N, C-alpha and C. Protein backbone atom coordinates (compact mmCIF):
# COMPACT_ATOMS: atom_id res chain seq x y z
N MET A 1 -31.12 -7.59 -5.95
CA MET A 1 -30.35 -6.38 -5.82
C MET A 1 -30.66 -5.48 -7.01
N GLU A 2 -30.91 -4.25 -6.71
CA GLU A 2 -31.22 -3.26 -7.73
C GLU A 2 -29.95 -2.90 -8.51
N THR A 3 -30.07 -2.70 -9.81
CA THR A 3 -28.92 -2.33 -10.62
C THR A 3 -28.86 -0.81 -10.75
N MET A 4 -27.72 -0.34 -11.24
CA MET A 4 -27.55 1.10 -11.44
C MET A 4 -28.51 1.58 -12.51
N PRO A 5 -29.09 2.78 -12.32
CA PRO A 5 -29.93 3.34 -13.37
C PRO A 5 -29.07 3.75 -14.57
N GLU A 6 -29.69 4.06 -15.67
CA GLU A 6 -28.98 4.53 -16.86
C GLU A 6 -28.17 5.77 -16.46
N THR A 7 -26.87 5.76 -16.81
CA THR A 7 -25.99 6.84 -16.35
C THR A 7 -25.43 7.70 -17.47
N SER A 8 -25.83 7.46 -18.71
CA SER A 8 -25.21 8.16 -19.84
C SER A 8 -25.40 9.67 -19.80
N ASN A 9 -26.46 10.15 -19.16
CA ASN A 9 -26.70 11.60 -19.12
C ASN A 9 -26.25 12.24 -17.81
N LEU A 10 -25.57 11.48 -16.96
CA LEU A 10 -25.14 11.99 -15.67
C LEU A 10 -23.68 12.41 -15.70
N SER A 11 -23.33 13.35 -14.85
CA SER A 11 -21.93 13.74 -14.70
C SER A 11 -21.19 12.64 -13.94
N LYS A 12 -19.87 12.67 -13.98
CA LYS A 12 -19.06 11.70 -13.25
C LYS A 12 -19.39 11.77 -11.76
N GLU A 13 -19.53 12.97 -11.23
CA GLU A 13 -19.84 13.12 -9.81
C GLU A 13 -21.21 12.53 -9.47
N GLU A 14 -22.20 12.73 -10.33
CA GLU A 14 -23.53 12.17 -10.09
C GLU A 14 -23.49 10.64 -10.12
N ILE A 15 -22.70 10.08 -11.03
CA ILE A 15 -22.56 8.62 -11.09
C ILE A 15 -21.92 8.12 -9.81
N TYR A 16 -20.85 8.78 -9.36
CA TYR A 16 -20.19 8.36 -8.12
C TYR A 16 -21.13 8.48 -6.92
N ARG A 17 -21.94 9.50 -6.88
CA ARG A 17 -22.88 9.68 -5.78
C ARG A 17 -23.84 8.47 -5.72
N LEU A 18 -24.34 8.06 -6.89
CA LEU A 18 -25.20 6.87 -6.96
C LEU A 18 -24.44 5.60 -6.60
N LEU A 19 -23.20 5.49 -7.07
CA LEU A 19 -22.38 4.32 -6.76
C LEU A 19 -22.18 4.18 -5.26
N GLU A 20 -21.86 5.29 -4.60
CA GLU A 20 -21.61 5.20 -3.17
C GLU A 20 -22.86 4.71 -2.43
N LYS A 21 -24.02 5.21 -2.81
CA LYS A 21 -25.26 4.76 -2.17
C LYS A 21 -25.46 3.26 -2.39
N GLN A 22 -25.20 2.80 -3.61
CA GLN A 22 -25.41 1.38 -3.90
C GLN A 22 -24.38 0.52 -3.17
N VAL A 23 -23.13 0.99 -3.09
CA VAL A 23 -22.12 0.24 -2.36
C VAL A 23 -22.53 0.11 -0.89
N CYS A 24 -22.99 1.20 -0.30
CA CYS A 24 -23.45 1.15 1.11
C CYS A 24 -24.51 0.07 1.29
N ALA A 25 -25.48 0.05 0.41
CA ALA A 25 -26.56 -0.93 0.49
C ALA A 25 -26.04 -2.36 0.27
N MET A 26 -25.10 -2.54 -0.66
CA MET A 26 -24.59 -3.87 -0.97
C MET A 26 -23.80 -4.48 0.18
N VAL A 27 -22.98 -3.69 0.83
CA VAL A 27 -22.08 -4.23 1.84
C VAL A 27 -22.67 -4.22 3.25
N GLU A 28 -23.79 -3.54 3.42
CA GLU A 28 -24.39 -3.37 4.74
C GLU A 28 -24.61 -4.69 5.48
N ASP A 29 -25.16 -5.67 4.81
CA ASP A 29 -25.47 -6.94 5.46
C ASP A 29 -24.55 -8.08 5.04
N GLU A 30 -23.42 -7.75 4.39
CA GLU A 30 -22.49 -8.79 3.94
C GLU A 30 -21.14 -8.59 4.63
N SER A 31 -20.69 -9.58 5.37
CA SER A 31 -19.44 -9.47 6.11
C SER A 31 -18.24 -10.04 5.36
N ASP A 32 -18.48 -10.76 4.27
CA ASP A 32 -17.38 -11.39 3.53
C ASP A 32 -16.68 -10.37 2.64
N ALA A 33 -15.40 -10.14 2.91
CA ALA A 33 -14.62 -9.13 2.18
C ALA A 33 -14.51 -9.46 0.70
N VAL A 34 -14.32 -10.74 0.36
CA VAL A 34 -14.16 -11.11 -1.05
C VAL A 34 -15.45 -10.86 -1.82
N ALA A 35 -16.57 -11.22 -1.23
CA ALA A 35 -17.86 -10.97 -1.89
C ALA A 35 -18.06 -9.47 -2.10
N ASN A 36 -17.74 -8.68 -1.10
CA ASN A 36 -17.91 -7.23 -1.23
C ASN A 36 -16.96 -6.65 -2.27
N MET A 37 -15.70 -7.09 -2.27
CA MET A 37 -14.77 -6.60 -3.29
C MET A 37 -15.26 -6.96 -4.70
N ALA A 38 -15.75 -8.17 -4.86
CA ALA A 38 -16.23 -8.62 -6.18
C ALA A 38 -17.38 -7.74 -6.66
N ASN A 39 -18.35 -7.51 -5.81
CA ASN A 39 -19.49 -6.69 -6.22
C ASN A 39 -19.11 -5.23 -6.43
N VAL A 40 -18.26 -4.69 -5.60
CA VAL A 40 -17.83 -3.29 -5.77
C VAL A 40 -17.04 -3.13 -7.06
N ALA A 41 -16.13 -4.06 -7.35
CA ALA A 41 -15.37 -3.99 -8.60
C ALA A 41 -16.30 -4.03 -9.81
N ALA A 42 -17.28 -4.93 -9.78
CA ALA A 42 -18.22 -5.04 -10.90
C ALA A 42 -19.06 -3.78 -11.05
N LEU A 43 -19.53 -3.27 -9.94
CA LEU A 43 -20.37 -2.07 -9.97
C LEU A 43 -19.61 -0.87 -10.55
N ILE A 44 -18.41 -0.63 -10.07
CA ILE A 44 -17.61 0.49 -10.58
C ILE A 44 -17.27 0.28 -12.05
N HIS A 45 -16.80 -0.91 -12.36
CA HIS A 45 -16.35 -1.22 -13.72
C HIS A 45 -17.44 -0.99 -14.77
N HIS A 46 -18.62 -1.52 -14.49
CA HIS A 46 -19.69 -1.43 -15.48
C HIS A 46 -20.40 -0.08 -15.48
N SER A 47 -20.39 0.59 -14.35
CA SER A 47 -21.03 1.91 -14.28
C SER A 47 -20.21 2.98 -15.00
N LEU A 48 -18.88 2.88 -14.88
CA LEU A 48 -18.02 3.92 -15.46
C LEU A 48 -17.24 3.42 -16.68
N LYS A 49 -17.42 2.16 -17.03
CA LYS A 49 -16.85 1.59 -18.27
C LYS A 49 -15.33 1.73 -18.35
N PHE A 50 -14.66 1.35 -17.24
CA PHE A 50 -13.20 1.39 -17.22
C PHE A 50 -12.62 0.17 -17.91
N TRP A 51 -11.33 0.19 -18.23
CA TRP A 51 -10.64 -0.93 -18.88
C TRP A 51 -10.47 -2.09 -17.90
N TRP A 52 -10.04 -1.78 -16.67
CA TRP A 52 -9.79 -2.80 -15.67
C TRP A 52 -10.10 -2.22 -14.30
N THR A 53 -10.81 -2.97 -13.48
CA THR A 53 -11.19 -2.51 -12.14
C THR A 53 -11.06 -3.68 -11.19
N GLY A 54 -10.25 -3.52 -10.15
CA GLY A 54 -10.13 -4.63 -9.23
C GLY A 54 -9.35 -4.31 -7.98
N PHE A 55 -9.19 -5.33 -7.19
CA PHE A 55 -8.52 -5.21 -5.89
C PHE A 55 -7.29 -6.08 -5.83
N TYR A 56 -6.31 -5.60 -5.10
CA TYR A 56 -5.16 -6.39 -4.69
C TYR A 56 -5.17 -6.40 -3.17
N ARG A 57 -4.90 -7.56 -2.58
CA ARG A 57 -4.89 -7.71 -1.13
C ARG A 57 -3.45 -7.81 -0.62
N VAL A 58 -3.20 -7.20 0.54
CA VAL A 58 -1.88 -7.28 1.16
C VAL A 58 -1.68 -8.70 1.69
N ASP A 59 -0.55 -9.29 1.32
CA ASP A 59 -0.15 -10.61 1.80
C ASP A 59 1.35 -10.55 2.07
N GLY A 60 1.70 -10.30 3.31
CA GLY A 60 3.12 -10.15 3.66
C GLY A 60 3.69 -8.88 3.04
N ASN A 61 4.73 -9.05 2.21
CA ASN A 61 5.39 -7.90 1.58
C ASN A 61 5.00 -7.74 0.12
N GLN A 62 3.82 -8.25 -0.22
CA GLN A 62 3.35 -8.12 -1.61
C GLN A 62 1.84 -7.97 -1.65
N LEU A 63 1.37 -7.51 -2.79
CA LEU A 63 -0.06 -7.45 -3.07
C LEU A 63 -0.41 -8.64 -3.94
N VAL A 64 -1.52 -9.29 -3.61
CA VAL A 64 -1.97 -10.46 -4.37
C VAL A 64 -3.32 -10.12 -5.01
N LEU A 65 -3.45 -10.49 -6.26
CA LEU A 65 -4.66 -10.21 -7.02
C LEU A 65 -5.91 -10.72 -6.31
N GLY A 66 -6.91 -9.85 -6.26
CA GLY A 66 -8.21 -10.20 -5.69
C GLY A 66 -9.28 -10.10 -6.76
N PRO A 67 -10.53 -9.95 -6.36
CA PRO A 67 -11.62 -9.86 -7.33
C PRO A 67 -11.43 -8.67 -8.29
N PHE A 68 -11.75 -8.91 -9.56
CA PHE A 68 -11.60 -7.86 -10.56
C PHE A 68 -12.53 -8.07 -11.73
N GLN A 69 -12.63 -7.02 -12.56
CA GLN A 69 -13.36 -7.05 -13.83
C GLN A 69 -12.39 -6.57 -14.90
N GLY A 70 -12.33 -7.28 -16.01
CA GLY A 70 -11.44 -6.90 -17.10
C GLY A 70 -10.56 -8.07 -17.50
N PRO A 71 -9.55 -7.78 -18.36
CA PRO A 71 -8.66 -8.85 -18.83
C PRO A 71 -7.76 -9.35 -17.69
N VAL A 72 -7.09 -10.48 -17.95
CA VAL A 72 -6.19 -11.06 -16.95
C VAL A 72 -5.20 -10.01 -16.48
N ALA A 73 -4.71 -10.20 -15.24
CA ALA A 73 -3.88 -9.17 -14.62
C ALA A 73 -2.66 -9.79 -13.96
N CYS A 74 -1.75 -8.92 -13.54
CA CYS A 74 -0.60 -9.36 -12.76
C CYS A 74 -1.12 -9.99 -11.47
N THR A 75 -0.49 -11.08 -11.05
CA THR A 75 -0.95 -11.81 -9.88
C THR A 75 -0.36 -11.28 -8.59
N ARG A 76 0.92 -10.91 -8.61
CA ARG A 76 1.60 -10.43 -7.40
C ARG A 76 2.40 -9.17 -7.71
N ILE A 77 2.33 -8.21 -6.78
CA ILE A 77 3.06 -6.95 -6.94
C ILE A 77 3.81 -6.68 -5.64
N PRO A 78 5.13 -6.53 -5.71
CA PRO A 78 5.92 -6.28 -4.50
C PRO A 78 5.64 -4.90 -3.89
N PHE A 79 5.82 -4.80 -2.58
CA PHE A 79 5.69 -3.54 -1.85
C PHE A 79 6.56 -2.47 -2.50
N GLY A 80 5.97 -1.32 -2.80
CA GLY A 80 6.72 -0.21 -3.36
C GLY A 80 6.95 -0.26 -4.86
N ARG A 81 6.49 -1.30 -5.54
CA ARG A 81 6.71 -1.44 -6.98
C ARG A 81 5.45 -1.07 -7.75
N GLY A 82 5.62 -0.45 -8.92
CA GLY A 82 4.50 -0.08 -9.76
C GLY A 82 3.60 0.92 -9.06
N VAL A 83 2.48 1.23 -9.67
CA VAL A 83 1.55 2.20 -9.10
C VAL A 83 0.89 1.62 -7.85
N CYS A 84 0.48 0.35 -7.91
CA CYS A 84 -0.19 -0.28 -6.76
C CYS A 84 0.73 -0.35 -5.55
N GLY A 85 1.92 -0.88 -5.75
CA GLY A 85 2.87 -0.99 -4.64
C GLY A 85 3.30 0.36 -4.11
N SER A 86 3.38 1.36 -4.99
CA SER A 86 3.75 2.71 -4.57
C SER A 86 2.65 3.36 -3.74
N ALA A 87 1.39 3.16 -4.12
CA ALA A 87 0.26 3.70 -3.35
C ALA A 87 0.21 3.04 -1.98
N TRP A 88 0.47 1.75 -1.92
CA TRP A 88 0.51 1.03 -0.65
C TRP A 88 1.62 1.61 0.22
N LYS A 89 2.81 1.76 -0.34
CA LYS A 89 3.96 2.28 0.42
C LYS A 89 3.70 3.71 0.91
N ALA A 90 3.17 4.56 0.04
CA ALA A 90 2.91 5.96 0.40
C ALA A 90 1.71 6.10 1.32
N GLY A 91 0.81 5.12 1.28
CA GLY A 91 -0.39 5.19 2.10
C GLY A 91 -1.39 6.22 1.59
N GLU A 92 -1.32 6.51 0.30
CA GLU A 92 -2.24 7.49 -0.28
C GLU A 92 -2.57 7.15 -1.72
N THR A 93 -3.66 7.72 -2.18
CA THR A 93 -4.12 7.51 -3.55
C THR A 93 -3.11 8.11 -4.53
N ILE A 94 -2.86 7.38 -5.60
CA ILE A 94 -2.00 7.87 -6.68
C ILE A 94 -2.81 7.90 -7.96
N VAL A 95 -2.80 9.06 -8.61
CA VAL A 95 -3.44 9.25 -9.91
C VAL A 95 -2.34 9.39 -10.94
N VAL A 96 -2.39 8.56 -11.99
CA VAL A 96 -1.36 8.58 -13.03
C VAL A 96 -2.03 8.89 -14.37
N PRO A 97 -1.82 10.12 -14.89
CA PRO A 97 -2.44 10.51 -16.16
C PRO A 97 -1.93 9.72 -17.37
N ASP A 98 -0.64 9.31 -17.30
CA ASP A 98 -0.02 8.56 -18.40
C ASP A 98 0.93 7.54 -17.78
N VAL A 99 0.54 6.27 -17.81
CA VAL A 99 1.34 5.24 -17.14
C VAL A 99 2.74 5.12 -17.71
N ASP A 100 2.93 5.50 -18.97
CA ASP A 100 4.28 5.43 -19.56
C ASP A 100 5.23 6.43 -18.93
N GLN A 101 4.69 7.42 -18.24
CA GLN A 101 5.51 8.43 -17.57
C GLN A 101 5.74 8.11 -16.09
N PHE A 102 5.17 7.02 -15.59
CA PHE A 102 5.33 6.65 -14.18
C PHE A 102 6.55 5.75 -14.03
N PRO A 103 7.57 6.21 -13.29
CA PRO A 103 8.78 5.39 -13.12
C PRO A 103 8.47 4.04 -12.47
N GLY A 104 8.89 2.96 -13.11
CA GLY A 104 8.68 1.63 -12.57
C GLY A 104 7.29 1.06 -12.78
N HIS A 105 6.51 1.68 -13.67
CA HIS A 105 5.17 1.17 -13.95
C HIS A 105 5.26 -0.30 -14.37
N ILE A 106 4.39 -1.12 -13.81
CA ILE A 106 4.31 -2.53 -14.18
C ILE A 106 3.20 -2.67 -15.21
N ALA A 107 3.57 -3.03 -16.42
CA ALA A 107 2.60 -3.11 -17.51
C ALA A 107 1.96 -4.49 -17.55
N CYS A 108 0.87 -4.66 -16.82
CA CYS A 108 0.13 -5.92 -16.89
C CYS A 108 -0.58 -6.02 -18.24
N SER A 109 -0.92 -4.86 -18.82
CA SER A 109 -1.54 -4.82 -20.14
C SER A 109 -1.06 -3.57 -20.87
N SER A 110 -0.66 -3.74 -22.10
CA SER A 110 -0.21 -2.58 -22.89
C SER A 110 -1.37 -1.66 -23.25
N ALA A 111 -2.60 -2.12 -23.05
CA ALA A 111 -3.77 -1.29 -23.36
C ALA A 111 -4.05 -0.25 -22.27
N SER A 112 -3.46 -0.45 -21.10
CA SER A 112 -3.67 0.49 -20.00
C SER A 112 -2.88 1.77 -20.27
N ARG A 113 -3.56 2.92 -20.19
CA ARG A 113 -2.91 4.20 -20.49
C ARG A 113 -2.88 5.14 -19.29
N SER A 114 -3.90 5.09 -18.41
CA SER A 114 -3.91 5.89 -17.19
C SER A 114 -4.46 5.03 -16.07
N GLU A 115 -4.19 5.46 -14.82
CA GLU A 115 -4.50 4.58 -13.69
C GLU A 115 -4.74 5.40 -12.42
N ILE A 116 -5.55 4.84 -11.53
CA ILE A 116 -5.73 5.37 -10.18
C ILE A 116 -5.68 4.19 -9.23
N VAL A 117 -4.96 4.37 -8.12
CA VAL A 117 -4.88 3.32 -7.10
C VAL A 117 -5.21 3.94 -5.75
N VAL A 118 -6.18 3.33 -5.06
CA VAL A 118 -6.68 3.85 -3.79
C VAL A 118 -6.44 2.81 -2.69
N PRO A 119 -5.66 3.16 -1.66
CA PRO A 119 -5.47 2.23 -0.54
C PRO A 119 -6.80 1.96 0.18
N VAL A 120 -6.97 0.72 0.64
CA VAL A 120 -8.15 0.32 1.38
C VAL A 120 -7.70 -0.02 2.80
N ARG A 121 -8.33 0.62 3.78
CA ARG A 121 -7.91 0.47 5.18
C ARG A 121 -9.00 -0.14 6.05
N LYS A 122 -8.53 -0.80 7.10
CA LYS A 122 -9.41 -1.23 8.18
C LYS A 122 -8.65 -0.96 9.47
N ASP A 123 -9.29 -0.23 10.36
CA ASP A 123 -8.66 0.16 11.63
C ASP A 123 -7.31 0.84 11.40
N GLY A 124 -7.25 1.66 10.34
CA GLY A 124 -6.05 2.43 10.05
C GLY A 124 -4.97 1.70 9.28
N GLU A 125 -5.08 0.39 9.15
CA GLU A 125 -4.08 -0.42 8.44
C GLU A 125 -4.51 -0.69 7.00
N ILE A 126 -3.58 -0.55 6.07
CA ILE A 126 -3.89 -0.86 4.67
C ILE A 126 -3.92 -2.38 4.50
N TRP A 127 -5.06 -2.89 4.03
CA TRP A 127 -5.18 -4.33 3.79
C TRP A 127 -5.31 -4.67 2.31
N GLY A 128 -5.39 -3.61 1.48
CA GLY A 128 -5.49 -3.83 0.04
C GLY A 128 -5.52 -2.51 -0.69
N VAL A 129 -5.63 -2.60 -2.01
CA VAL A 129 -5.78 -1.41 -2.84
C VAL A 129 -6.84 -1.67 -3.90
N LEU A 130 -7.54 -0.60 -4.26
CA LEU A 130 -8.44 -0.61 -5.40
C LEU A 130 -7.64 -0.05 -6.57
N ASP A 131 -7.53 -0.79 -7.64
CA ASP A 131 -6.76 -0.40 -8.81
C ASP A 131 -7.71 -0.28 -9.99
N ILE A 132 -7.68 0.88 -10.66
CA ILE A 132 -8.53 1.07 -11.85
C ILE A 132 -7.66 1.59 -12.98
N ASP A 133 -7.76 0.93 -14.13
CA ASP A 133 -7.01 1.32 -15.32
C ASP A 133 -7.98 1.77 -16.41
N SER A 134 -7.52 2.71 -17.21
CA SER A 134 -8.28 3.17 -18.36
C SER A 134 -7.46 2.97 -19.62
N ALA A 135 -8.13 2.73 -20.72
CA ALA A 135 -7.46 2.61 -22.01
C ALA A 135 -7.20 3.99 -22.64
N GLU A 136 -7.61 5.04 -21.94
CA GLU A 136 -7.42 6.42 -22.41
C GLU A 136 -6.47 7.16 -21.48
N LEU A 137 -5.74 8.13 -22.02
CA LEU A 137 -4.90 9.00 -21.19
C LEU A 137 -5.78 9.95 -20.37
N ASN A 138 -5.23 10.40 -19.25
CA ASN A 138 -5.87 11.45 -18.44
C ASN A 138 -7.32 11.16 -18.05
N THR A 139 -7.64 9.94 -17.74
CA THR A 139 -9.02 9.59 -17.39
C THR A 139 -9.38 10.04 -15.98
N PHE A 140 -8.44 9.97 -15.06
CA PHE A 140 -8.75 10.15 -13.64
C PHE A 140 -8.36 11.53 -13.15
N ASN A 141 -9.19 12.06 -12.24
CA ASN A 141 -8.92 13.38 -11.70
C ASN A 141 -9.31 13.42 -10.23
N GLU A 142 -9.41 14.62 -9.67
CA GLU A 142 -9.72 14.80 -8.26
C GLU A 142 -11.11 14.24 -7.91
N THR A 143 -12.05 14.33 -8.82
CA THR A 143 -13.39 13.77 -8.58
C THR A 143 -13.29 12.27 -8.34
N ASP A 144 -12.53 11.57 -9.19
CA ASP A 144 -12.35 10.13 -9.00
C ASP A 144 -11.70 9.83 -7.66
N ARG A 145 -10.64 10.56 -7.34
CA ARG A 145 -9.93 10.33 -6.07
C ARG A 145 -10.88 10.48 -4.89
N ILE A 146 -11.59 11.59 -4.82
CA ILE A 146 -12.48 11.87 -3.70
C ILE A 146 -13.54 10.78 -3.54
N TRP A 147 -14.23 10.45 -4.63
CA TRP A 147 -15.33 9.50 -4.55
C TRP A 147 -14.87 8.06 -4.35
N LEU A 148 -13.77 7.67 -4.99
CA LEU A 148 -13.28 6.31 -4.78
C LEU A 148 -12.77 6.12 -3.35
N GLU A 149 -12.16 7.15 -2.78
CA GLU A 149 -11.76 7.07 -1.38
C GLU A 149 -12.98 6.91 -0.48
N LYS A 150 -14.06 7.61 -0.78
CA LYS A 150 -15.31 7.46 -0.01
C LYS A 150 -15.87 6.05 -0.17
N ILE A 151 -15.85 5.54 -1.37
CA ILE A 151 -16.43 4.21 -1.64
C ILE A 151 -15.67 3.12 -0.89
N VAL A 152 -14.32 3.15 -0.92
CA VAL A 152 -13.58 2.07 -0.26
C VAL A 152 -13.69 2.13 1.26
N GLU A 153 -14.10 3.26 1.81
CA GLU A 153 -14.32 3.35 3.26
C GLU A 153 -15.42 2.39 3.71
N HIS A 154 -16.29 1.98 2.80
CA HIS A 154 -17.41 1.10 3.14
C HIS A 154 -17.02 -0.37 3.15
N LEU A 155 -15.81 -0.69 2.72
CA LEU A 155 -15.40 -2.10 2.66
C LEU A 155 -14.87 -2.61 3.99
């Protein structure tokens, strides 16, 4: 499998454009969801150098930790709780510029300062979320939302 080219001189949008192409190629011939989540998390994490990048899977009325890159994380998140549970409940991406300002934020790590959570769907049903944390404030914007939503469509 080909790795991402050097990205230090590229804009965030250019990096995402390359990421989406690589995700398409990676998941095209692989039907295992866990394998695909693992590779997508690693690709995003290392390409954009985020603090934590991973997936939570829907299991009944909670999200359960799936493949990720970064330090240890919360294992279970109830429906509607924290940023992940709130994005699941709302059925839409949530961008949080400062996690300390998000009511009910679940602090799995005190190093996390901003976050984006993108619901992952199959046949219209949410089966998980992509959760990305940054150690910096205001990391995520509309560019991240647009491209991460495109990327998870391939899962």
